[in-house]
Amino acid sequence: MPEIAVVGFAHAPHVPETFGTTNGVEMLVPCFQQLYADLGITKSDIDFWCSGSSDFLAGRAFSFISAVDAIGAVPPINESHVEMDAAWALYEAWVKLLSGQAETALVYGFGKSSAAESIQQVLTMQLDPYLVAPLWPDAVSIAGLQARAGLDAGRWTEQEMAAVAGGDIEALLAAPYVADPLRAHDIAPVTDGAAAIVLAVGDRARELCERPAWITGMAHNIDAQALGGRDLTRSPSTTRAAAAATRGDTTFDLAELHAPFSHQQLILAEAIGLSPDTRVNPSGGPLAGNPMFAAGLERIGNAATAIISGDANRTLAHATSGPALQQNLVAVLESEDR
């Protein structure tokens, strides 16, 4: 099987609102231009393109087709799309490269949450359409139910949740609840954003990058959609994905976890089996900025950048999709000299 590495990563600023269309073109073009410049390539050097986004979020059908305007009409491209976080688009591109159908791929994701009247209600559309969605519970309220279940079961404390956010814990705990037991510091700020990653195979990766971040394992798994059909305080799908991706070796220099709520970072760290010595979310993680449908891809990008820059030799990246950590992806990245 071919060796595949992340050789470049770029992302748009995390901002509450951007101007322009809902198809992400204005955010994506600077990301693509940065990658072309950093790697010394043009779009003609990309064999396969794959994106992740949501038509529900954009408010129109086939919004991802409009986003192709960021690439340009000439030359013609080989393109695909997933209707979820772009981390899963990277998985598709990874499989494409493993199959030998391409040597390079550019993966991108985007979301303009500010265009939605209520992003929380948009996310309600991913719930059970018969029993749960008609109640219109928002994503923060569902996360609050999950956090409360863990507190009542003694799985974590509000102090541990505040410690994930960082800062003056006593001051954080003195803040009012947003959705009991969640406070503002427990909730990732939803932002507009976009991200892009370039993958390359074998010697092509070595040509493009002095220190590629080799993907040595990647897997994703899913739990039941029904909120009452699983233990919300644990994440079996993350455990299964991590077991497949890490092959039992959970020693990492750092881990980038896609945890939009503070208590979810505690769930994920346990589910993966991370060592207390592993640095978790040195980038700030989603709690510092949560661009919909790009945040998971950013976790992979940040984990790869740590290797490319020489700051780490082995890293883990995680992405999630669905309510209360329903579906989870885990990727392992390593330097060549590890």
Protein backbone atom coordinates (compact mmCIF):
# COMPACT_ATOMS: atom_id res chain seq x y z
CA MET A 1 0.00 0.00 0.00
CA PRO A 2 1.32 3.48 -0.84
CA GLU A 3 2.57 5.85 1.84
CA ILE A 4 0.34 8.93 2.14
CA ALA A 5 1.17 12.16 3.94
CA VAL A 6 -0.23 15.56 4.73
CA VAL A 7 2.12 18.05 3.08
CA GLY A 8 0.20 21.33 3.48
CA PHE A 9 -2.53 22.95 5.57
CA ALA A 10 -4.28 26.32 5.52
CA HIS A 11 -7.39 27.71 7.15
CA ALA A 12 -9.45 30.86 7.13
CA PRO A 13 -9.71 33.10 10.23
CA HIS A 14 -12.28 32.07 12.86
CA VAL A 15 -14.72 34.98 12.83
CA PRO A 16 -18.37 35.31 13.93
CA GLU A 17 -19.44 36.58 10.52
CA THR A 18 -18.06 36.89 7.01
CA PHE A 19 -19.43 38.78 4.04
CA GLY A 20 -20.08 37.11 0.72
CA THR A 21 -21.92 34.08 -0.57
CA THR A 22 -22.83 30.97 1.42
CA ASN A 23 -20.79 28.71 -0.88
CA GLY A 24 -17.50 29.51 0.88
CA VAL A 25 -15.66 30.76 -2.21
CA GLU A 26 -14.48 33.97 -0.54
CA MET A 27 -13.00 31.96 2.34
CA LEU A 28 -11.57 29.14 0.24
CA VAL A 29 -9.65 31.09 -2.40
CA PRO A 30 -7.07 32.49 0.09
CA CYS A 31 -6.59 28.98 1.54
CA PHE A 32 -5.92 27.52 -1.90
CA GLN A 33 -3.58 30.36 -2.82
CA GLN A 34 -1.59 29.85 0.39
CA LEU A 35 -1.19 26.14 -0.33
CA TYR A 36 -0.11 26.76 -3.92
CA ALA A 37 2.50 29.25 -2.72
CA ASP A 38 3.75 27.14 0.19
CA LEU A 39 4.14 23.99 -1.90
CA GLY A 40 5.19 25.60 -5.18
CA ILE A 41 2.35 24.02 -7.14
CA THR A 42 -0.66 25.03 -9.21
CA LYS A 43 -4.12 23.51 -9.37
CA SER A 44 -2.91 21.47 -12.37
CA ASP A 45 -0.76 19.49 -9.91
CA ILE A 46 -3.81 18.26 -7.96
CA ASP A 47 -5.16 14.91 -9.18
CA PHE A 48 -8.26 14.73 -6.96
CA TRP A 49 -10.38 17.22 -5.03
CA CYS A 50 -12.79 16.38 -2.21
CA SER A 51 -14.89 18.71 -0.05
CA GLY A 52 -17.10 18.66 3.02
CA SER A 53 -19.97 21.04 3.70
CA SER A 54 -23.73 21.16 4.29
CA ASP A 55 -26.54 22.26 2.00
CA PHE A 56 -28.77 22.69 5.07
CA LEU A 57 -26.30 25.21 6.46
CA ALA A 58 -25.96 27.04 3.14
CA GLY A 59 -29.73 27.09 2.71
CA ARG A 60 -29.72 25.80 -0.85
CA ALA A 61 -29.26 22.58 -2.79
CA PHE A 62 -25.89 21.62 -4.26
CA SER A 63 -24.07 24.51 -2.61
CA PHE A 64 -20.87 22.48 -2.85
CA ILE A 65 -21.06 22.73 -6.65
CA SER A 66 -20.98 26.53 -6.36
CA ALA A 67 -17.93 26.22 -4.13
CA VAL A 68 -16.02 24.69 -7.03
CA ASP A 69 -15.81 28.27 -8.35
CA ALA A 70 -12.93 28.66 -5.87
CA ILE A 71 -10.97 26.11 -7.91
CA GLY A 72 -11.73 27.47 -11.39
CA ALA A 73 -13.10 25.97 -14.56
CA VAL A 74 -9.79 25.25 -16.31
CA PRO A 75 -8.32 22.68 -16.27
CA PRO A 76 -11.19 20.22 -15.63
CA ILE A 77 -10.96 18.47 -12.26
CA ASN A 78 -11.81 15.13 -10.66
CA GLU A 79 -14.01 16.09 -7.70
CA SER A 80 -16.15 14.55 -4.97
CA HIS A 81 -18.03 15.72 -1.87
CA VAL A 82 -19.32 14.55 1.51
CA GLU A 83 -22.26 16.15 3.33
CA MET A 84 -20.47 16.35 6.68
CA ASP A 85 -17.26 17.60 8.26
CA ALA A 86 -14.41 17.66 5.76
CA ALA A 87 -12.41 15.22 7.91
CA TRP A 88 -14.54 12.58 6.21
CA ALA A 89 -13.69 14.12 2.83
CA LEU A 90 -10.04 13.58 3.78
CA TYR A 91 -10.86 9.95 4.54
CA GLU A 92 -12.36 9.59 1.05
CA ALA A 93 -9.30 11.23 -0.53
CA TRP A 94 -7.02 8.96 1.51
CA VAL A 95 -8.84 5.90 0.14
CA LYS A 96 -8.59 7.34 -3.39
CA LEU A 97 -4.82 7.66 -3.02
CA LEU A 98 -4.52 4.22 -1.42
CA SER A 99 -6.27 2.74 -4.46
CA GLY A 100 -3.61 4.21 -6.75
CA GLN A 101 -6.05 6.40 -8.69
CA ALA A 102 -4.21 9.62 -7.76
CA GLU A 103 -0.90 10.84 -6.36
CA THR A 104 -2.09 14.16 -4.94
CA ALA A 105 -5.36 15.38 -3.45
CA LEU A 106 -6.66 18.65 -2.08
CA VAL A 107 -9.32 18.35 0.62
CA TYR A 108 -11.35 21.32 1.79
CA GLY A 109 -14.29 22.14 4.01
CA PHE A 110 -16.31 25.27 4.67
CA GLY A 111 -19.27 26.58 6.61
CA LYS A 112 -20.88 29.99 6.83
CA SER A 113 -22.89 29.61 10.03
CA SER A 114 -23.68 33.31 10.18
CA ALA A 115 -25.95 32.88 7.16
CA ALA A 116 -28.29 30.63 9.15
CA GLU A 117 -31.03 32.23 11.20
CA SER A 118 -30.27 29.69 13.92
CA ILE A 119 -27.35 27.29 13.54
CA GLN A 120 -28.63 25.33 16.53
CA GLN A 121 -31.93 24.68 14.77
CA VAL A 122 -30.09 23.66 11.61
CA LEU A 123 -28.25 21.01 13.63
CA THR A 124 -31.59 19.74 14.94
CA MET A 125 -32.25 18.39 11.44
CA GLN A 126 -29.68 15.61 12.01
CA LEU A 127 -31.76 14.13 14.86
CA ASP A 128 -34.25 11.25 14.74
CA PRO A 129 -36.94 12.75 12.45
CA TYR A 130 -39.82 10.92 14.16
CA LEU A 131 -39.31 11.19 17.92
CA VAL A 132 -36.65 13.84 18.62
CA ALA A 133 -36.43 16.43 15.85
CA PRO A 134 -40.14 17.43 16.19
CA LEU A 135 -39.30 18.59 19.74
CA TRP A 136 -36.68 20.99 18.26
CA PRO A 137 -33.96 20.46 20.88
CA ASP A 138 -30.91 22.55 20.01
CA ALA A 139 -27.35 21.22 19.99
CA VAL A 140 -26.36 23.04 23.18
CA SER A 141 -29.32 21.59 25.09
CA ILE A 142 -28.45 18.07 23.94
CA ALA A 143 -24.85 18.59 25.05
CA GLY A 144 -26.22 19.84 28.36
CA LEU A 145 -28.13 16.57 28.79
CA GLN A 146 -24.91 14.68 28.08
CA ALA A 147 -22.91 16.79 30.55
CA ARG A 148 -25.58 16.37 33.24
CA ALA A 149 -25.62 12.60 32.75
CA GLY A 150 -21.86 12.49 33.32
CA LEU A 151 -22.03 14.70 36.40
CA ASP A 152 -24.82 12.65 37.95
CA ALA A 153 -22.93 9.43 37.23
CA GLY A 154 -19.74 10.81 38.80
CA ARG A 155 -17.87 10.53 35.52
CA TRP A 156 -16.53 14.13 35.77
CA THR A 157 -17.00 17.32 37.76
CA GLU A 158 -17.75 20.92 36.83
CA GLN A 159 -14.22 21.76 38.01
CA GLU A 160 -12.77 19.28 35.50
CA MET A 161 -14.94 20.77 32.76
CA ALA A 162 -13.67 24.26 33.61
CA ALA A 163 -10.08 22.99 33.62
CA VAL A 164 -10.51 21.95 29.99
CA ALA A 165 -11.42 25.55 29.12
CA GLY A 166 -8.40 26.84 31.09
CA GLY A 167 -7.92 30.04 33.04
CA ASP A 168 -9.19 30.99 36.49
CA ILE A 169 -11.36 28.01 37.40
CA GLU A 170 -13.09 29.72 40.33
CA ALA A 171 -14.01 32.68 38.14
CA LEU A 172 -15.31 30.38 35.42
CA LEU A 173 -17.47 28.45 37.87
CA ALA A 174 -18.95 31.70 39.17
CA ALA A 175 -20.39 32.46 35.73
CA PRO A 176 -24.10 31.78 35.08
CA TYR A 177 -25.32 28.70 33.25
CA VAL A 178 -26.18 28.92 29.57
CA ALA A 179 -27.80 25.48 29.48
CA ASP A 180 -27.43 23.81 32.88
CA PRO A 181 -24.78 22.53 33.58
CA LEU A 182 -22.99 24.25 30.67
CA ARG A 183 -21.53 27.73 31.03
CA ALA A 184 -20.21 29.92 28.23
CA HIS A 185 -16.67 28.58 28.61
CA ASP A 186 -17.95 25.01 28.11
CA ILE A 187 -19.40 25.79 24.68
CA ALA A 188 -17.38 26.24 21.49
CA PRO A 189 -18.10 29.54 19.72
CA VAL A 190 -19.60 28.68 16.33
CA THR A 191 -17.77 30.63 13.62
CA ASP A 192 -17.61 30.99 9.87
CA GLY A 193 -14.57 29.27 8.46
CA ALA A 194 -12.85 27.11 5.88
CA ALA A 195 -9.83 24.82 5.79
CA ALA A 196 -7.82 22.94 3.18
CA ILE A 197 -5.24 20.15 3.24
CA VAL A 198 -3.01 18.70 0.52
CA LEU A 199 -2.23 14.97 0.55
CA ALA A 200 0.50 13.34 -1.49
CA VAL A 201 1.87 9.85 -2.06
CA GLY A 202 5.38 8.55 -1.37
CA ASP A 203 8.20 10.36 -3.14
CA ARG A 204 5.81 13.03 -4.39
CA ALA A 205 5.15 13.94 -0.75
CA ARG A 206 8.89 14.15 -0.09
CA GLU A 207 9.30 16.47 -3.09
CA LEU A 208 6.61 18.82 -1.82
CA CYS A 209 7.50 18.84 1.88
CA GLU A 210 10.78 18.50 3.76
CA ARG A 211 9.10 16.76 6.69
CA PRO A 212 5.76 15.18 5.64
CA ALA A 213 3.21 14.06 8.22
CA TRP A 214 2.62 10.44 7.24
CA ILE A 215 -0.84 9.00 7.89
CA THR A 216 -0.11 5.63 9.50
CA GLY A 217 -3.67 4.85 10.53
CA MET A 218 -7.17 6.19 10.09
CA ALA A 219 -10.61 4.83 10.91
CA HIS A 220 -14.11 6.04 11.69
CA ASN A 221 -17.03 4.45 13.48
CA ILE A 222 -20.58 5.34 14.51
CA ASP A 223 -22.89 4.87 17.47
CA ALA A 224 -26.69 4.73 17.57
CA GLN A 225 -28.55 7.84 16.46
CA ALA A 226 -31.16 7.41 19.21
CA LEU A 227 -29.99 9.41 22.22
CA GLY A 228 -31.61 6.89 24.56
CA GLY A 229 -30.00 3.98 22.76
CA ARG A 230 -26.49 4.60 24.07
CA ASP A 231 -24.59 5.73 27.14
CA LEU A 232 -24.01 9.41 26.43
CA THR A 233 -21.19 9.57 28.99
CA ARG A 234 -18.98 7.29 26.90
CA SER A 235 -17.96 7.05 23.24
CA PRO A 236 -17.64 3.44 22.07
CA SER A 237 -17.32 4.51 18.43
CA THR A 238 -14.25 6.60 19.32
CA THR A 239 -12.74 3.63 21.16
CA ARG A 240 -13.30 1.37 18.15
CA ALA A 241 -11.92 3.91 15.69
CA ALA A 242 -8.90 4.60 17.90
CA ALA A 243 -8.18 0.89 18.30
CA ALA A 244 -8.14 0.45 14.53
CA ALA A 245 -6.10 3.59 13.80
CA THR A 246 -3.54 3.35 16.61
CA ARG A 247 -3.18 -0.45 16.66
CA GLY A 248 -2.92 -0.25 20.42
CA ASP A 249 -0.12 2.33 20.59
CA THR A 250 -1.65 5.41 22.25
CA THR A 251 1.57 7.29 22.99
CA PHE A 252 1.45 10.67 21.28
CA ASP A 253 3.31 13.94 21.54
CA LEU A 254 0.02 15.78 21.11
CA ALA A 255 -3.62 15.15 20.24
CA GLU A 256 -6.08 17.44 18.49
CA LEU A 257 -9.58 16.52 19.66
CA HIS A 258 -12.75 17.82 18.00
CA ALA A 259 -14.68 18.46 21.24
CA PRO A 260 -17.21 21.29 20.79
CA PHE A 261 -18.06 21.08 24.52
CA SER A 262 -15.63 20.86 27.42
CA HIS A 263 -16.96 17.61 28.87
CA GLN A 264 -16.63 15.93 25.46
CA GLN A 265 -12.85 16.37 25.62
CA LEU A 266 -12.90 14.33 28.84
CA ILE A 267 -14.99 11.62 27.14
CA LEU A 268 -12.69 11.48 24.11
CA ALA A 269 -9.42 11.39 26.04
CA GLU A 270 -10.68 8.40 28.01
CA ALA A 271 -12.17 6.66 24.96
CA ILE A 272 -8.87 6.90 23.07
CA GLY A 273 -6.75 6.05 26.11
CA LEU A 274 -4.54 9.13 25.93
CA SER A 275 -1.65 9.41 28.34
CA PRO A 276 -1.78 12.33 30.82
CA ASP A 277 1.55 13.41 29.27
CA THR A 278 -0.05 13.98 25.86
CA ARG A 279 -0.61 17.64 25.04
CA VAL A 280 -4.28 18.06 24.13
CA ASN A 281 -5.44 20.78 21.74
CA PRO A 282 -2.37 23.05 21.88
CA SER A 283 -4.01 24.96 19.00
CA GLY A 284 -6.87 25.91 21.33
CA GLY A 285 -9.19 23.33 19.82
CA PRO A 286 -12.85 23.96 18.96
CA LEU A 287 -13.33 25.94 22.20
CA ALA A 288 -11.20 28.64 20.57
CA GLY A 289 -13.20 28.57 17.33
CA ASN A 290 -15.58 26.03 15.81
CA PRO A 291 -16.08 26.53 12.06
CA MET A 292 -18.86 24.17 11.06
CA PHE A 293 -17.83 21.40 8.67
CA ALA A 294 -14.18 22.48 8.79
CA ALA A 295 -13.31 22.08 12.50
CA GLY A 296 -12.60 18.35 12.20
CA LEU A 297 -10.37 18.88 9.18
CA GLU A 298 -8.55 21.58 11.13
CA ARG A 299 -7.76 19.07 13.86
CA ILE A 300 -5.99 16.90 11.27
CA GLY A 301 -4.28 19.95 9.81
CA ASN A 302 -3.01 21.16 13.18
CA ALA A 303 -1.82 17.67 14.14
CA ALA A 304 0.03 17.44 10.83
CA THR A 305 1.52 20.93 11.12
CA ALA A 306 3.12 19.98 14.44
CA ILE A 307 5.02 17.23 12.61
CA ILE A 308 5.83 19.31 9.52
CA SER A 309 7.26 22.07 11.72
CA GLY A 310 9.33 19.62 13.78
CA ASP A 311 7.36 20.26 16.97
CA ALA A 312 6.23 16.62 17.24
CA ASN A 313 7.00 13.17 15.88
CA ARG A 314 3.71 11.37 16.48
CA THR A 315 0.29 12.98 16.75
CA LEU A 316 -3.37 12.03 16.84
CA ALA A 317 -6.30 13.86 15.28
CA HIS A 318 -9.98 13.32 15.98
CA ALA A 319 -13.15 14.55 14.28
CA THR A 320 -16.80 14.14 15.24
CA SER A 321 -20.15 14.48 13.54
CA GLY A 322 -23.72 14.13 14.75
CA PRO A 323 -25.30 14.81 18.15
CA ALA A 324 -23.43 14.03 21.38
CA LEU A 325 -20.37 12.47 19.68
CA GLN A 326 -22.42 10.12 17.50
CA GLN A 327 -19.82 9.47 14.79
CA ASN A 328 -16.06 9.73 15.27
CA LEU A 329 -12.92 9.59 13.14
CA VAL A 330 -9.38 9.05 14.43
CA ALA A 331 -6.17 9.56 12.44
CA VAL A 332 -2.57 8.89 13.44
CA LEU A 333 0.25 10.92 11.89
CA GLU A 334 3.98 10.31 12.21
CA SER A 335 7.27 11.75 11.04
CA GLU A 336 9.49 9.64 8.82
CA ASP A 337 12.33 9.50 11.32
CA ARG A 338 10.21 8.35 14.25
